[in-house]
PDB file of N, CA and C in Angstrom:
ATOM      1  N   MET A   1      -1.500   2.384  32.427  1.00  0.00           N
ATOM      2  CA  MET A   1      -2.432   1.302  32.659  1.00  0.00           C
ATOM      3  C   MET A   1      -1.685  -0.024  32.831  1.00  0.00           C
ATOM      4  N   CYS A   2      -0.700  -0.295  31.994  1.00  0.00           N
ATOM      5  CA  CYS A   2       0.036  -1.559  32.053  1.00  0.00           C
ATOM      6  C   CYS A   2       1.039  -1.547  33.201  1.00  0.00           C
ATOM      7  N   GLN A   3       1.061  -2.643  33.954  1.00  0.00           N
ATOM      8  CA  GLN A   3       2.037  -2.768  35.030  1.00  0.00           C
ATOM      9  C   GLN A   3       2.962  -3.957  34.808  1.00  0.00           C
ATOM     10  N   HIS A   4       2.979  -4.486  33.569  1.00  0.00           N
ATOM     11  CA  HIS A   4       3.872  -5.598  33.241  1.00  0.00           C
ATOM     12  C   HIS A   4       5.294  -5.088  33.088  1.00  0.00           C
ATOM     13  N   GLN A   5       6.248  -5.972  33.293  1.00  0.00           N
ATOM     14  CA  GLN A   5       7.656  -5.639  33.087  1.00  0.00           C
ATOM     15  C   GLN A   5       8.244  -6.598  32.070  1.00  0.00           C
ATOM     16  N   PRO A   6       8.735  -6.163  30.951  1.00  0.00           N
ATOM     17  CA  PRO A   6       8.703  -4.787  30.459  1.00  0.00           C
ATOM     18  C   PRO A   6       7.274  -4.390  30.105  1.00  0.00           C
ATOM     19  N   THR A   7       7.028  -3.097  30.088  1.00  0.00           N
ATOM     20  CA  THR A   7       5.671  -2.626  29.824  1.00  0.00           C
ATOM     21  C   THR A   7       5.232  -2.971  28.410  1.00  0.00           C
ATOM     22  N   CYS A   8       3.957  -3.184  28.260  1.00  0.00           N
ATOM     23  CA  CYS A   8       3.374  -3.501  26.961  1.00  0.00           C
ATOM     24  C   CYS A   8       3.296  -2.233  26.109  1.00  0.00           C
ATOM     25  N   PRO A   9       3.167  -2.391  24.788  1.00  0.00           N
ATOM     26  CA  PRO A   9       3.049  -1.218  23.910  1.00  0.00           C
ATOM     27  C   PRO A   9       1.803  -0.405  24.261  1.00  0.00           C
ATOM     28  N   SER A  10       1.892   0.895  24.098  1.00  0.00           N
ATOM     29  CA  SER A  10       0.748   1.766  24.373  1.00  0.00           C
ATOM     30  C   SER A  10      -0.299   1.608  23.276  1.00  0.00           C
ATOM     31  N   ALA A  11      -1.473   2.150  23.509  1.00  0.00           N
ATOM     32  CA  ALA A  11      -2.550   2.103  22.518  1.00  0.00           C
ATOM     33  C   ALA A  11      -2.203   2.893  21.267  1.00  0.00           C
ATOM     34  N   GLU A  12      -1.259   3.831  21.363  1.00  0.00           N
ATOM     35  CA  GLU A  12      -0.867   4.650  20.223  1.00  0.00           C
ATOM     36  C   GLU A  12       0.255   4.005  19.407  1.00  0.00           C
ATOM     37  N   ALA A  13       0.897   2.983  19.936  1.00  0.00           N
ATOM     38  CA  ALA A  13       2.025   2.339  19.253  1.00  0.00           C
ATOM     39  C   ALA A  13       1.538   1.493  18.077  1.00  0.00           C
ATOM     40  N   THR A  14       2.388   1.329  17.084  1.00  0.00           N
ATOM     41  CA  THR A  14       1.996   0.527  15.921  1.00  0.00           C
ATOM     42  C   THR A  14       1.872  -0.952  16.267  1.00  0.00           C
ATOM     43  N   ASP A  15       2.560  -1.398  17.305  1.00  0.00           N
ATOM     44  CA  ASP A  15       2.459  -2.794  17.730  1.00  0.00           C
ATOM     45  C   ASP A  15       1.531  -2.959  18.934  1.00  0.00           C
ATOM     46  N   ARG A  16       0.526  -2.098  19.026  1.00  0.00           N
ATOM     47  CA  ARG A  16      -0.401  -2.070  20.167  1.00  0.00           C
ATOM     48  C   ARG A  16      -1.061  -3.412  20.445  1.00  0.00           C
ATOM     49  N   ASP A  17      -1.292  -4.235  19.419  1.00  0.00           N
ATOM     50  CA  ASP A  17      -1.967  -5.507  19.647  1.00  0.00           C
ATOM     51  C   ASP A  17      -1.045  -6.577  20.224  1.00  0.00           C
ATOM     52  N   ALA A  18       0.211  -6.225  20.511  1.00  0.00           N
ATOM     53  CA  ALA A  18       1.136  -7.139  21.187  1.00  0.00           C
ATOM     54  C   ALA A  18       0.996  -7.051  22.708  1.00  0.00           C
ATOM     55  N   ALA A  19       0.145  -6.171  23.204  1.00  0.00           N
ATOM     56  CA  ALA A  19      -0.081  -6.060  24.653  1.00  0.00           C
ATOM     57  C   ALA A  19      -0.774  -7.324  25.158  1.00  0.00           C
ATOM     58  N   ARG A  20      -0.679  -7.559  26.444  1.00  0.00           N
ATOM     59  CA  ARG A  20      -1.259  -8.760  27.041  1.00  0.00           C
ATOM     60  C   ARG A  20      -2.778  -8.664  27.143  1.00  0.00           C
ATOM     61  N   VAL A  21      -3.424  -9.786  26.952  1.00  0.00           N
ATOM     62  CA  VAL A  21      -4.877  -9.901  27.099  1.00  0.00           C
ATOM     63  C   VAL A  21      -5.203  -9.930  28.590  1.00  0.00           C
ATOM     64  N   ILE A  22      -6.145  -9.066  29.009  1.00  0.00           N
ATOM     65  CA  ILE A  22      -6.560  -9.089  30.417  1.00  0.00           C
ATOM     66  C   ILE A  22      -7.982  -9.623  30.577  1.00  0.00           C
ATOM     67  N   ALA A  23      -8.750  -9.641  29.481  1.00  0.00           N
ATOM     68  CA  ALA A  23     -10.093 -10.220  29.496  1.00  0.00           C
ATOM     69  C   ALA A  23     -10.396 -10.728  28.097  1.00  0.00           C
ATOM     70  N   CYS A  24     -10.927 -11.941  28.018  1.00  0.00           N
ATOM     71  CA  CYS A  24     -11.212 -12.553  26.724  1.00  0.00           C
ATOM     72  C   CYS A  24     -12.662 -13.019  26.705  1.00  0.00           C
ATOM     73  N   PHE A  25     -13.376 -12.644  25.671  1.00  0.00           N
ATOM     74  CA  PHE A  25     -14.762 -13.026  25.499  1.00  0.00           C
ATOM     75  C   PHE A  25     -14.899 -13.711  24.140  1.00  0.00           C
ATOM     76  N   ARG A  26     -14.367 -14.937  24.048  1.00  0.00           N
ATOM     77  CA  ARG A  26     -14.344 -15.664  22.774  1.00  0.00           C
ATOM     78  C   ARG A  26     -15.732 -15.842  22.186  1.00  0.00           C
ATOM     79  N   GLU A  27     -16.722 -16.077  23.047  1.00  0.00           N
ATOM     80  CA  GLU A  27     -18.083 -16.283  22.547  1.00  0.00           C
ATOM     81  C   GLU A  27     -18.636 -15.025  21.878  1.00  0.00           C
ATOM     82  N   GLN A  28     -18.083 -13.860  22.218  1.00  0.00           N
ATOM     83  CA  GLN A  28     -18.497 -12.603  21.608  1.00  0.00           C
ATOM     84  C   GLN A  28     -17.489 -12.118  20.567  1.00  0.00           C
ATOM     85  N   GLY A  29     -16.324 -12.753  20.494  1.00  0.00           N
ATOM     86  CA  GLY A  29     -15.347 -12.446  19.465  1.00  0.00           C
ATOM     87  C   GLY A  29     -14.436 -11.266  19.736  1.00  0.00           C
ATOM     88  N   TRP A  30     -14.169 -10.953  21.016  1.00  0.00           N
ATOM     89  CA  TRP A  30     -13.270  -9.837  21.311  1.00  0.00           C
ATOM     90  C   TRP A  30     -12.487 -10.079  22.593  1.00  0.00           C
ATOM     91  N   SER A  31     -11.379  -9.332  22.692  1.00  0.00           N
ATOM     92  CA  SER A  31     -10.518  -9.380  23.877  1.00  0.00           C
ATOM     93  C   SER A  31     -10.101  -7.968  24.252  1.00  0.00           C
ATOM     94  N   LEU A  32      -9.920  -7.740  25.546  1.00  0.00           N
ATOM     95  CA  LEU A  32      -9.440  -6.462  26.064  1.00  0.00           C
ATOM     96  C   LEU A  32      -7.974  -6.607  26.401  1.00  0.00           C
ATOM     97  N   LEU A  33      -7.154  -5.714  25.867  1.00  0.00           N
ATOM     98  CA  LEU A  33      -5.726  -5.727  26.149  1.00  0.00           C
ATOM     99  C   LEU A  33      -5.420  -4.782  27.305  1.00  0.00           C
ATOM    100  N   CYS A  34      -4.268  -4.951  27.936  1.00  0.00           N
ATOM    101  CA  CYS A  34      -3.920  -4.143  29.111  1.00  0.00           C
ATOM    102  C   CYS A  34      -3.688  -2.672  28.764  1.00  0.00           C
ATOM    103  N   ASN A  35      -3.534  -2.341  27.488  1.00  0.00           N
ATOM    104  CA  ASN A  35      -3.376  -0.943  27.090  1.00  0.00           C
ATOM    105  C   ASN A  35      -4.713  -0.286  26.748  1.00  0.00           C
ATOM    106  N   GLY A  36      -5.816  -0.994  27.005  1.00  0.00           N
ATOM    107  CA  GLY A  36      -7.144  -0.433  26.784  1.00  0.00           C
ATOM    108  C   GLY A  36      -7.716  -0.670  25.399  1.00  0.00           C
ATOM    109  N   VAL A  37      -6.979  -1.338  24.537  1.00  0.00           N
ATOM    110  CA  VAL A  37      -7.438  -1.633  23.177  1.00  0.00           C
ATOM    111  C   VAL A  37      -8.331  -2.866  23.213  1.00  0.00           C
ATOM    112  N   ILE A  38      -9.434  -2.814  22.472  1.00  0.00           N
ATOM    113  CA  ILE A  38     -10.290  -3.976  22.279  1.00  0.00           C
ATOM    114  C   ILE A  38      -9.968  -4.535  20.902  1.00  0.00           C
ATOM    115  N   VAL A  39      -9.591  -5.809  20.858  1.00  0.00           N
ATOM    116  CA  VAL A  39      -9.228  -6.478  19.612  1.00  0.00           C
ATOM    117  C   VAL A  39     -10.336  -7.473  19.275  1.00  0.00           C
ATOM    118  N   PHE A  40     -10.821  -7.397  18.043  1.00  0.00           N
ATOM    119  CA  PHE A  40     -11.869  -8.305  17.583  1.00  0.00           C
ATOM    120  C   PHE A  40     -11.262  -9.455  16.799  1.00  0.00           C
ATOM    121  N   GLU A  41     -11.955 -10.588  16.751  1.00  0.00           N
ATOM    122  CA  GLU A  41     -11.397 -11.762  16.083  1.00  0.00           C
ATOM    123  C   GLU A  41     -11.198 -11.560  14.589  1.00  0.00           C
ATOM    124  N   ASP A  42     -11.838 -10.569  13.989  1.00  0.00           N
ATOM    125  CA  ASP A  42     -11.598 -10.285  12.565  1.00  0.00           C
ATOM    126  C   ASP A  42     -10.403  -9.362  12.371  1.00  0.00           C
ATOM    127  N   THR A  43      -9.655  -9.089  13.433  1.00  0.00           N
ATOM    128  CA  THR A  43      -8.456  -8.241  13.523  1.00  0.00           C
ATOM    129  C   THR A  43      -8.760  -6.754  13.542  1.00  0.00           C
ATOM    130  N   GLY A  44     -10.010  -6.360  13.603  1.00  0.00           N
ATOM    131  CA  GLY A  44     -10.347  -4.954  13.811  1.00  0.00           C
ATOM    132  C   GLY A  44     -10.035  -4.585  15.253  1.00  0.00           C
ATOM    133  N   GLU A  45      -9.883  -3.283  15.504  1.00  0.00           N
ATOM    134  CA  GLU A  45      -9.539  -2.822  16.854  1.00  0.00           C
ATOM    135  C   GLU A  45     -10.335  -1.573  17.198  1.00  0.00           C
ATOM    136  N   LEU A  46     -10.661  -1.434  18.471  1.00  0.00           N
ATOM    137  CA  LEU A  46     -11.283  -0.233  19.006  1.00  0.00           C
ATOM    138  C   LEU A  46     -10.317   0.347  20.021  1.00  0.00           C
ATOM    139  N   LEU A  47      -9.864   1.572  19.781  1.00  0.00           N
ATOM    140  CA  LEU A  47      -8.872   2.208  20.648  1.00  0.00           C
ATOM    141  C   LEU A  47      -9.555   2.919  21.813  1.00  0.00           C
ATOM    142  N   PRO A  48      -8.834   3.167  22.897  1.00  0.00           N
ATOM    143  CA  PRO A  48      -9.424   3.811  24.077  1.00  0.00           C
ATOM    144  C   PRO A  48     -10.049   5.177  23.784  1.00  0.00           C
ATOM    145  N   ASP A  49      -9.555   5.884  22.768  1.00  0.00           N
ATOM    146  CA  ASP A  49     -10.122   7.200  22.452  1.00  0.00           C
ATOM    147  C   ASP A  49     -11.383   7.103  21.590  1.00  0.00           C
ATOM    148  N   GLY A  50     -11.818   5.869  21.271  1.00  0.00           N
ATOM    149  CA  GLY A  50     -13.033   5.662  20.485  1.00  0.00           C
ATOM    150  C   GLY A  50     -12.789   5.500  18.999  1.00  0.00           C
ATOM    151  N   SER A  51     -11.562   5.691  18.546  1.00  0.00           N
ATOM    152  CA  SER A  51     -11.283   5.521  17.120  1.00  0.00           C
ATOM    153  C   SER A  51     -11.164   4.029  16.793  1.00  0.00           C
ATOM    154  N   MET A  52     -11.359   3.718  15.511  1.00  0.00           N
ATOM    155  CA  MET A  52     -11.355   2.329  15.068  1.00  0.00           C
ATOM    156  C   MET A  52     -10.204   2.056  14.121  1.00  0.00           C
ATOM    157  N   ILE A  53      -9.721   0.849  14.144  1.00  0.00           N
ATOM    158  CA  ILE A  53      -8.762   0.347  13.179  1.00  0.00           C
ATOM    159  C   ILE A  53      -9.498  -0.746  12.412  1.00  0.00           C
ATOM    160  N   GLU A  54      -9.586  -0.599  11.097  1.00  0.00           N
ATOM    161  CA  GLU A  54     -10.273  -1.590  10.278  1.00  0.00           C
ATOM    162  C   GLU A  54      -9.554  -2.935  10.354  1.00  0.00           C
ATOM    163  N   PRO A  55     -10.266  -4.036  10.126  1.00  0.00           N
ATOM    164  CA  PRO A  55      -9.608  -5.344  10.083  1.00  0.00           C
ATOM    165  C   PRO A  55      -8.439  -5.303   9.112  1.00  0.00           C
ATOM    166  N   HIS A  56      -7.328  -5.940   9.500  1.00  0.00           N
ATOM    167  CA  HIS A  56      -6.125  -5.838   8.703  1.00  0.00           C
ATOM    168  C   HIS A  56      -5.429  -7.177   8.489  1.00  0.00           C
ATOM    169  N   ARG A  57      -6.222  -8.215   8.460  1.00  0.00           N
ATOM    170  CA  ARG A  57      -5.609  -9.513   8.179  1.00  0.00           C
ATOM    171  C   ARG A  57      -5.432  -9.676   6.675  1.00  0.00           C
ATOM    172  N   GLY A  58      -4.525 -10.523   6.301  1.00  0.00           N
ATOM    173  CA  GLY A  58      -4.252 -10.772   4.895  1.00  0.00           C
ATOM    174  C   GLY A  58      -5.331 -11.638   4.269  1.00  0.00           C
ATOM    175  N   PRO A  59      -5.194 -11.949   2.986  1.00  0.00           N
ATOM    176  CA  PRO A  59      -6.184 -12.804   2.326  1.00  0.00           C
ATOM    177  C   PRO A  59      -6.171 -14.205   2.912  1.00  0.00           C
ATOM    178  N   ALA A  60      -7.290 -14.889   2.801  1.00  0.00           N
ATOM    179  CA  ALA A  60      -7.384 -16.256   3.293  1.00  0.00           C
ATOM    180  C   ALA A  60      -6.361 -17.139   2.596  1.00  0.00           C
ATOM    181  N   ARG A  61      -5.844 -18.114   3.309  1.00  0.00           N
ATOM    182  CA  ARG A  61      -4.791 -18.974   2.759  1.00  0.00           C
ATOM    183  C   ARG A  61      -5.248 -19.739   1.525  1.00  0.00           C
ATOM    184  N   HIS A  62      -6.541 -20.020   1.435  1.00  0.00           N
ATOM    185  CA  HIS A  62      -7.036 -20.811   0.317  1.00  0.00           C
ATOM    186  C   HIS A  62      -7.240 -19.966  -0.949  1.00  0.00           C
ATOM    187  N   VAL A  63      -7.107 -18.654  -0.831  1.00  0.00           N
ATOM    188  CA  VAL A  63      -7.276 -17.776  -1.986  1.00  0.00           C
ATOM    189  C   VAL A  63      -5.964 -17.697  -2.747  1.00  0.00           C
ATOM    190  N   LEU A  64      -6.021 -18.007  -4.016  1.00  0.00           N
ATOM    191  CA  LEU A  64      -4.824 -17.947  -4.853  1.00  0.00           C
ATOM    192  C   LEU A  64      -4.708 -16.545  -5.459  1.00  0.00           C
ATOM    193  N   VAL A  65      -3.547 -15.968  -5.365  1.00  0.00           N
ATOM    194  CA  VAL A  65      -3.291 -14.652  -5.951  1.00  0.00           C
ATOM    195  C   VAL A  65      -2.521 -14.881  -7.244  1.00  0.00           C
ATOM    196  N   ALA A  66      -3.096 -14.403  -8.342  1.00  0.00           N
ATOM    197  CA  ALA A  66      -2.449 -14.625  -9.646  1.00  0.00           C
ATOM    198  C   ALA A  66      -1.560 -13.475 -10.021  1.00  0.00           C
TER     199      ALA A  66
END
């Protein structure tokens, strides 16, 4: 799917969200990457095979960890 040089990570790669954005829908909170992954603003992902990756962002900066 990707025709960039060097090619972007595949949807199966652990760094899949480093692929280039080909369509962005900020008002809806998601972007389509060139590897077919849909990335949501909460860091969740929908893979081309229909499987999901749960949001994986760290705690908010204002939260103190004791």
